């Protein structure tokens, strides 16, 4: 059996996958920013990756290996590219987001290469993490759905608390913008009550997506 054939056996593929996920978690575990969940303190981006994996298992248990990898790397070492490095205002924000996508994709690709993945799988994951092909690439769309579901489930309440100056119309626009990025399948997932909408915000969310 050649070295290439050995790497293609199910055992070796699973070993490479597991070591890559562990490496992603180790990278995210370096986050100096902390967040408390269920009475325990976590590195912020490690907790985010865990929430992404849990949501992916609930929403898309059949997802491809590439999506499973991308879900764990979507925010990998995000703190290394702070928003403060870019100008204020929407143009600066968009530059920051573009820089993040590239950084996350390149970081994920490097770690995958070190773990033993081939170029084809690395390219697929970089496409997903880089948010390329949204609405047309099913793998990218699945990860976007998962990210938006995690935002609604875990982070919307905190985001609202950070912006008390926003009125109801502003929040409806923000929620609708998130909704528009999601697939019909993700819409059905939310409306079927399969995520925990923040109790205080549930009426506003439903107004935004049904209005």
C-alpha atoms as a PDB file:
ATOM      1  CA  UNK A   1       0.000   0.000   0.000  1.00  0.00           C
ATOM      2  CA  UNK A   2       1.394   3.399  -0.982  1.00  0.00           C
ATOM      3  CA  UNK A   3       1.648   6.350   1.372  1.00  0.00           C
ATOM      4  CA  UNK A   4      -1.168   8.074  -0.553  1.00  0.00           C
ATOM      5  CA  UNK A   5      -3.428   5.045  -0.231  1.00  0.00           C
ATOM      6  CA  UNK A   6      -2.643   4.795   3.478  1.00  0.00           C
ATOM      7  CA  UNK A   7      -3.747   8.379   4.026  1.00  0.00           C
ATOM      8  CA  UNK A   8      -7.007   7.618   2.253  1.00  0.00           C
ATOM      9  CA  UNK A   9      -8.061   4.784   4.570  1.00  0.00           C
ATOM     10  CA  UNK A  10     -11.049   5.603   6.847  1.00  0.00           C
ATOM     11  CA  UNK A  11      -8.933   5.138   9.987  1.00  0.00           C
ATOM     12  CA  UNK A  12      -6.269   7.574   8.876  1.00  0.00           C
ATOM     13  CA  UNK A  13      -8.843  10.057   7.602  1.00  0.00           C
ATOM     14  CA  UNK A  14     -10.591  10.050  10.997  1.00  0.00           C
ATOM     15  CA  UNK A  15      -7.271  10.404  12.780  1.00  0.00           C
ATOM     16  CA  UNK A  16      -6.336  13.417  10.675  1.00  0.00           C
ATOM     17  CA  UNK A  17      -9.783  14.932  11.183  1.00  0.00           C
ATOM     18  CA  UNK A  18      -9.661  14.531  14.950  1.00  0.00           C
ATOM     19  CA  UNK A  19      -6.140  15.915  15.221  1.00  0.00           C
ATOM     20  CA  UNK A  20      -7.146  18.919  13.106  1.00  0.00           C
ATOM     21  CA  UNK A  21     -10.175  19.699  15.276  1.00  0.00           C
ATOM     22  CA  UNK A  22      -7.929  19.400  18.355  1.00  0.00           C
ATOM     23  CA  UNK A  23      -5.436  21.797  16.742  1.00  0.00           C
ATOM     24  CA  UNK A  24      -8.210  24.266  15.895  1.00  0.00           C
ATOM     25  CA  UNK A  25      -9.392  24.123  19.518  1.00  0.00           C
ATOM     26  CA  UNK A  26      -5.849  24.581  20.807  1.00  0.00           C
ATOM     27  CA  UNK A  27      -5.474  27.679  18.614  1.00  0.00           C
ATOM     28  CA  UNK A  28      -8.795  29.090  19.824  1.00  0.00           C
ATOM     29  CA  UNK A  29      -7.900  28.155  23.391  1.00  0.00           C
ATOM     30  CA  UNK A  30      -5.144  30.775  23.276  1.00  0.00           C
ATOM     31  CA  UNK A  31      -7.766  33.554  23.237  1.00  0.00           C
ATOM     32  CA  UNK A  32      -6.986  35.965  26.103  1.00  0.00           C
ATOM     33  CA  UNK A  33     -10.620  37.124  26.084  1.00  0.00           C
ATOM     34  CA  UNK A  34     -12.898  35.121  28.371  1.00  0.00           C
ATOM     35  CA  UNK A  35     -16.616  34.385  28.455  1.00  0.00           C
ATOM     36  CA  UNK A  36     -18.654  32.653  31.143  1.00  0.00           C
ATOM     37  CA  UNK A  37     -21.219  30.007  30.204  1.00  0.00           C
ATOM     38  CA  UNK A  38     -23.064  27.742  32.641  1.00  0.00           C
ATOM     39  CA  UNK A  39     -20.898  28.993  35.483  1.00  0.00           C
ATOM     40  CA  UNK A  40     -17.608  28.154  33.762  1.00  0.00           C
ATOM     41  CA  UNK A  41     -15.069  30.461  32.148  1.00  0.00           C
ATOM     42  CA  UNK A  42     -13.912  29.712  28.602  1.00  0.00           C
ATOM     43  CA  UNK A  43     -11.602  31.354  26.084  1.00  0.00           C
ATOM     44  CA  UNK A  44     -14.130  33.301  24.000  1.00  0.00           C
ATOM     45  CA  UNK A  45     -13.393  31.809  20.575  1.00  0.00           C
ATOM     46  CA  UNK A  46     -13.087  28.280  21.928  1.00  0.00           C
ATOM     47  CA  UNK A  47     -16.586  28.597  23.382  1.00  0.00           C
ATOM     48  CA  UNK A  48     -17.809  29.961  20.056  1.00  0.00           C
ATOM     49  CA  UNK A  49     -16.338  26.991  18.172  1.00  0.00           C
ATOM     50  CA  UNK A  50     -17.991  24.577  20.603  1.00  0.00           C
ATOM     51  CA  UNK A  51     -21.333  26.312  20.123  1.00  0.00           C
ATOM     52  CA  UNK A  52     -20.881  26.150  16.347  1.00  0.00           C
ATOM     53  CA  UNK A  53     -20.220  22.408  16.498  1.00  0.00           C
ATOM     54  CA  UNK A  54     -23.206  21.792  18.743  1.00  0.00           C
ATOM     55  CA  UNK A  55     -25.507  23.764  16.443  1.00  0.00           C
ATOM     56  CA  UNK A  56     -24.147  22.013  13.350  1.00  0.00           C
ATOM     57  CA  UNK A  57     -24.919  18.648  14.930  1.00  0.00           C
ATOM     58  CA  UNK A  58     -28.484  19.785  15.640  1.00  0.00           C
ATOM     59  CA  UNK A  59     -29.091  21.528  12.335  1.00  0.00           C
ATOM     60  CA  UNK A  60     -27.063  19.547   9.794  1.00  0.00           C
ATOM     61  CA  UNK A  61     -25.893  16.205  11.226  1.00  0.00           C
ATOM     62  CA  UNK A  62     -25.316  14.976   7.677  1.00  0.00           C
ATOM     63  CA  UNK A  63     -22.854  17.786   6.837  1.00  0.00           C
ATOM     64  CA  UNK A  64     -19.684  17.007   4.925  1.00  0.00           C
ATOM     65  CA  UNK A  65     -16.259  16.692   6.514  1.00  0.00           C
ATOM     66  CA  UNK A  66     -15.325  20.037   4.977  1.00  0.00           C
ATOM     67  CA  UNK A  67     -18.261  21.766   6.690  1.00  0.00           C
ATOM     68  CA  UNK A  68     -17.475  20.092  10.007  1.00  0.00           C
ATOM     69  CA  UNK A  69     -13.925  21.391   9.810  1.00  0.00           C
ATOM     70  CA  UNK A  70     -14.975  24.868   8.711  1.00  0.00           C
ATOM     71  CA  UNK A  71     -17.477  25.200  11.541  1.00  0.00           C
ATOM     72  CA  UNK A  72     -14.657  24.806  14.069  1.00  0.00           C
ATOM     73  CA  UNK A  73     -12.438  27.320  12.273  1.00  0.00           C
ATOM     74  CA  UNK A  74     -14.901  30.057  11.359  1.00  0.00           C
ATOM     75  CA  UNK A  75     -13.578  32.460  14.028  1.00  0.00           C
ATOM     76  CA  UNK A  76     -10.162  30.887  14.516  1.00  0.00           C
ATOM     77  CA  UNK A  77      -7.879  33.258  16.457  1.00  0.00           C
ATOM     78  CA  UNK A  78     -10.208  36.134  15.649  1.00  0.00           C
ATOM     79  CA  UNK A  79      -8.721  38.331  18.363  1.00  0.00           C
ATOM     80  CA  UNK A  80      -5.521  38.686  16.321  1.00  0.00           C
ATOM     81  CA  UNK A  81      -7.335  40.932  13.819  1.00  0.00           C
ATOM     82  CA  UNK A  82      -9.059  43.530  16.054  1.00  0.00           C
ATOM     83  CA  UNK A  83     -11.652  45.918  14.693  1.00  0.00           C
ATOM     84  CA  UNK A  84      -9.544  48.809  16.008  1.00  0.00           C
ATOM     85  CA  UNK A  85      -6.939  48.076  13.306  1.00  0.00           C
ATOM     86  CA  UNK A  86      -9.348  49.470  10.704  1.00  0.00           C
ATOM     87  CA  UNK A  87     -11.016  52.857  10.196  1.00  0.00           C
ATOM     88  CA  UNK A  88     -14.342  53.577  11.852  1.00  0.00           C
ATOM     89  CA  UNK A  89     -17.493  53.556   9.747  1.00  0.00           C
ATOM     90  CA  UNK A  90     -18.983  51.035   7.353  1.00  0.00           C
ATOM     91  CA  UNK A  91     -16.113  51.025   4.793  1.00  0.00           C
ATOM     92  CA  UNK A  92     -13.657  50.244   7.603  1.00  0.00           C
ATOM     93  CA  UNK A  93     -15.982  47.567   8.959  1.00  0.00           C
ATOM     94  CA  UNK A  94     -16.204  45.887   5.562  1.00  0.00           C
ATOM     95  CA  UNK A  95     -12.425  45.953   5.193  1.00  0.00           C
ATOM     96  CA  UNK A  96     -12.114  44.352   8.620  1.00  0.00           C
ATOM     97  CA  UNK A  97     -14.587  41.610   7.726  1.00  0.00           C
ATOM     98  CA  UNK A  98     -12.766  40.877   4.465  1.00  0.00           C
ATOM     99  CA  UNK A  99      -9.463  40.738   6.319  1.00  0.00           C
ATOM    100  CA  UNK A 100     -10.951  38.359   8.874  1.00  0.00           C
ATOM    101  CA  UNK A 101     -12.263  35.971   6.218  1.00  0.00           C
ATOM    102  CA  UNK A 102      -8.843  35.767   4.606  1.00  0.00           C
ATOM    103  CA  UNK A 103      -7.048  35.370   7.943  1.00  0.00           C
ATOM    104  CA  UNK A 104      -9.387  32.624   9.161  1.00  0.00           C
ATOM    105  CA  UNK A 105      -9.133  30.741   5.859  1.00  0.00           C
ATOM    106  CA  UNK A 106      -5.346  30.933   5.736  1.00  0.00           C
ATOM    107  CA  UNK A 107      -4.991  29.926   9.399  1.00  0.00           C
ATOM    108  CA  UNK A 108      -7.331  26.949   8.963  1.00  0.00           C
ATOM    109  CA  UNK A 109      -5.511  25.888   5.807  1.00  0.00           C
ATOM    110  CA  UNK A 110      -2.108  25.998   7.479  1.00  0.00           C
ATOM    111  CA  UNK A 111      -3.268  23.907  10.424  1.00  0.00           C
ATOM    112  CA  UNK A 112      -4.925  21.383   8.105  1.00  0.00           C
ATOM    113  CA  UNK A 113      -1.733  21.084   6.053  1.00  0.00           C
ATOM    114  CA  UNK A 114       0.300  20.433   9.194  1.00  0.00           C
ATOM    115  CA  UNK A 115      -2.188  17.735  10.236  1.00  0.00           C
ATOM    116  CA  UNK A 116      -1.846  15.897   6.917  1.00  0.00           C
ATOM    117  CA  UNK A 117      -4.770  17.025   4.781  1.00  0.00           C
ATOM    118  CA  UNK A 118      -4.358  17.246   1.028  1.00  0.00           C
ATOM    119  CA  UNK A 119      -4.755  20.341  -1.103  1.00  0.00           C
ATOM    120  CA  UNK A 120      -8.275  19.509  -2.331  1.00  0.00           C
ATOM    121  CA  UNK A 121      -9.846  19.340   1.145  1.00  0.00           C
ATOM    122  CA  UNK A 122      -7.877  22.373   2.293  1.00  0.00           C
ATOM    123  CA  UNK A 123      -9.204  24.369  -0.664  1.00  0.00           C
ATOM    124  CA  UNK A 124     -12.790  23.342   0.125  1.00  0.00           C
ATOM    125  CA  UNK A 125     -12.486  24.402   3.753  1.00  0.00           C
ATOM    126  CA  UNK A 126     -10.812  27.691   2.846  1.00  0.00           C
ATOM    127  CA  UNK A 127     -13.669  28.437   0.452  1.00  0.00           C
ATOM    128  CA  UNK A 128     -16.216  27.831   3.205  1.00  0.00           C
ATOM    129  CA  UNK A 129     -14.363  29.729   5.938  1.00  0.00           C
ATOM    130  CA  UNK A 130     -13.682  32.567   3.477  1.00  0.00           C
ATOM    131  CA  UNK A 131     -17.461  32.881   2.928  1.00  0.00           C
ATOM    132  CA  UNK A 132     -17.088  32.338  -0.812  1.00  0.00           C
ATOM    133  CA  UNK A 133     -20.113  31.233  -2.796  1.00  0.00           C
ATOM    134  CA  UNK A 134     -22.774  32.158  -0.274  1.00  0.00           C
ATOM    135  CA  UNK A 135     -26.204  31.131  -1.663  1.00  0.00           C
ATOM    136  CA  UNK A 136     -24.581  29.097  -4.469  1.00  0.00           C
ATOM    137  CA  UNK A 137     -22.084  26.854  -2.638  1.00  0.00           C
ATOM    138  CA  UNK A 138     -24.138  24.505  -0.422  1.00  0.00           C
ATOM    139  CA  UNK A 139     -21.214  23.970   1.976  1.00  0.00           C
ATOM    140  CA  UNK A 140     -20.652  27.701   2.476  1.00  0.00           C
ATOM    141  CA  UNK A 141     -24.386  28.198   2.943  1.00  0.00           C
ATOM    142  CA  UNK A 142     -24.579  25.471   5.576  1.00  0.00           C
ATOM    143  CA  UNK A 143     -21.846  27.112   7.620  1.00  0.00           C
ATOM    144  CA  UNK A 144     -23.530  30.515   7.229  1.00  0.00           C
ATOM    145  CA  UNK A 145     -26.791  29.009   8.449  1.00  0.00           C
ATOM    146  CA  UNK A 146     -25.047  27.531  11.481  1.00  0.00           C
ATOM    147  CA  UNK A 147     -23.337  30.846  12.283  1.00  0.00           C
ATOM    148  CA  UNK A 148     -26.608  32.774  12.045  1.00  0.00           C
ATOM    149  CA  UNK A 149     -28.440  30.236  14.207  1.00  0.00           C
ATOM    150  CA  UNK A 150     -25.695  30.485  16.838  1.00  0.00           C
ATOM    151  CA  UNK A 151     -25.976  34.281  16.744  1.00  0.00           C
ATOM    152  CA  UNK A 152     -29.731  34.155  17.345  1.00  0.00           C
ATOM    153  CA  UNK A 153     -29.436  31.432  19.975  1.00  0.00           C
ATOM    154  CA  UNK A 154     -26.460  32.691  21.984  1.00  0.00           C
ATOM    155  CA  UNK A 155     -25.370  36.219  21.078  1.00  0.00           C
ATOM    156  CA  UNK A 156     -28.313  38.407  20.054  1.00  0.00           C
ATOM    157  CA  UNK A 157     -29.241  39.291  23.634  1.00  0.00           C
ATOM    158  CA  UNK A 158     -25.699  40.454  24.423  1.00  0.00           C
ATOM    159  CA  UNK A 159     -25.511  42.374  21.156  1.00  0.00           C
ATOM    160  CA  UNK A 160     -28.720  44.218  22.051  1.00  0.00           C
ATOM    161  CA  UNK A 161     -27.270  45.089  25.452  1.00  0.00           C
ATOM    162  CA  UNK A 162     -24.233  46.655  23.789  1.00  0.00           C
ATOM    163  CA  UNK A 163     -26.398  48.997  21.705  1.00  0.00           C
ATOM    164  CA  UNK A 164     -29.135  50.525  23.897  1.00  0.00           C
ATOM    165  CA  UNK A 165     -29.290  53.470  21.488  1.00  0.00           C
ATOM    166  CA  UNK A 166     -30.836  51.346  18.708  1.00  0.00           C
ATOM    167  CA  UNK A 167     -34.604  51.649  18.311  1.00  0.00           C
ATOM    168  CA  UNK A 168     -37.006  48.897  17.249  1.00  0.00           C
ATOM    169  CA  UNK A 169     -36.748  49.766  13.555  1.00  0.00           C
ATOM    170  CA  UNK A 170     -32.961  49.451  13.690  1.00  0.00           C
ATOM    171  CA  UNK A 171     -33.179  46.014  15.316  1.00  0.00           C
ATOM    172  CA  UNK A 172     -35.721  44.829  12.786  1.00  0.00           C
ATOM    173  CA  UNK A 173     -33.351  45.825   9.975  1.00  0.00           C
ATOM    174  CA  UNK A 174     -30.459  43.993  11.655  1.00  0.00           C
ATOM    175  CA  UNK A 175     -32.500  40.832  12.210  1.00  0.00           C
ATOM    176  CA  UNK A 176     -33.861  40.900   8.650  1.00  0.00           C
ATOM    177  CA  UNK A 177     -30.349  41.270   7.273  1.00  0.00           C
ATOM    178  CA  UNK A 178     -29.307  38.144   9.190  1.00  0.00           C
ATOM    179  CA  UNK A 179     -32.463  36.359   8.037  1.00  0.00           C
ATOM    180  CA  UNK A 180     -31.718  37.150   4.393  1.00  0.00           C
ATOM    181  CA  UNK A 181     -28.348  35.384   4.633  1.00  0.00           C
ATOM    182  CA  UNK A 182     -30.013  32.179   5.820  1.00  0.00           C
ATOM    183  CA  UNK A 183     -31.444  29.403   3.671  1.00  0.00           C
ATOM    184  CA  UNK A 184     -35.125  28.375   3.645  1.00  0.00           C
ATOM    185  CA  UNK A 185     -34.096  25.292   5.609  1.00  0.00           C
ATOM    186  CA  UNK A 186     -32.625  27.492   8.362  1.00  0.00           C
ATOM    187  CA  UNK A 187     -35.763  29.653   8.349  1.00  0.00           C
ATOM    188  CA  UNK A 188     -37.878  26.551   8.932  1.00  0.00           C
ATOM    189  CA  UNK A 189     -35.519  25.461  11.714  1.00  0.00           C
ATOM    190  CA  UNK A 190     -36.073  28.750  13.573  1.00  0.00           C
ATOM    191  CA  UNK A 191     -39.812  28.967  12.994  1.00  0.00           C
ATOM    192  CA  UNK A 192     -40.243  25.365  14.140  1.00  0.00           C
ATOM    193  CA  UNK A 193     -38.895  26.412  17.547  1.00  0.00           C
ATOM    194  CA  UNK A 194     -35.661  24.435  17.289  1.00  0.00           C
ATOM    195  CA  UNK A 195     -33.501  27.180  18.765  1.00  0.00           C
ATOM    196  CA  UNK A 196     -33.938  29.083  22.016  1.00  0.00           C
ATOM    197  CA  UNK A 197     -34.897  32.579  20.980  1.00  0.00           C
ATOM    198  CA  UNK A 198     -34.217  35.079  23.787  1.00  0.00           C
ATOM    199  CA  UNK A 199     -37.548  35.359  25.585  1.00  0.00           C
ATOM    200  CA  UNK A 200     -37.515  39.146  25.734  1.00  0.00           C
ATOM    201  CA  UNK A 201     -36.632  39.410  22.032  1.00  0.00           C
ATOM    202  CA  UNK A 202     -38.730  36.604  20.546  1.00  0.00           C
ATOM    203  CA  UNK A 203     -41.686  38.875  19.617  1.00  0.00           C
ATOM    204  CA  UNK A 204     -39.336  41.341  17.903  1.00  0.00           C
ATOM    205  CA  UNK A 205     -37.542  38.558  16.023  1.00  0.00           C
ATOM    206  CA  UNK A 206     -40.792  37.034  14.818  1.00  0.00           C
ATOM    207  CA  UNK A 207     -42.075  40.478  13.808  1.00  0.00           C
ATOM    208  CA  UNK A 208     -38.887  41.049  11.800  1.00  0.00           C
ATOM    209  CA  UNK A 209     -38.954  37.761   9.948  1.00  0.00           C
ATOM    210  CA  UNK A 210     -42.699  37.577   9.340  1.00  0.00           C
ATOM    211  CA  UNK A 211     -43.311  41.208   8.572  1.00  0.00           C
END
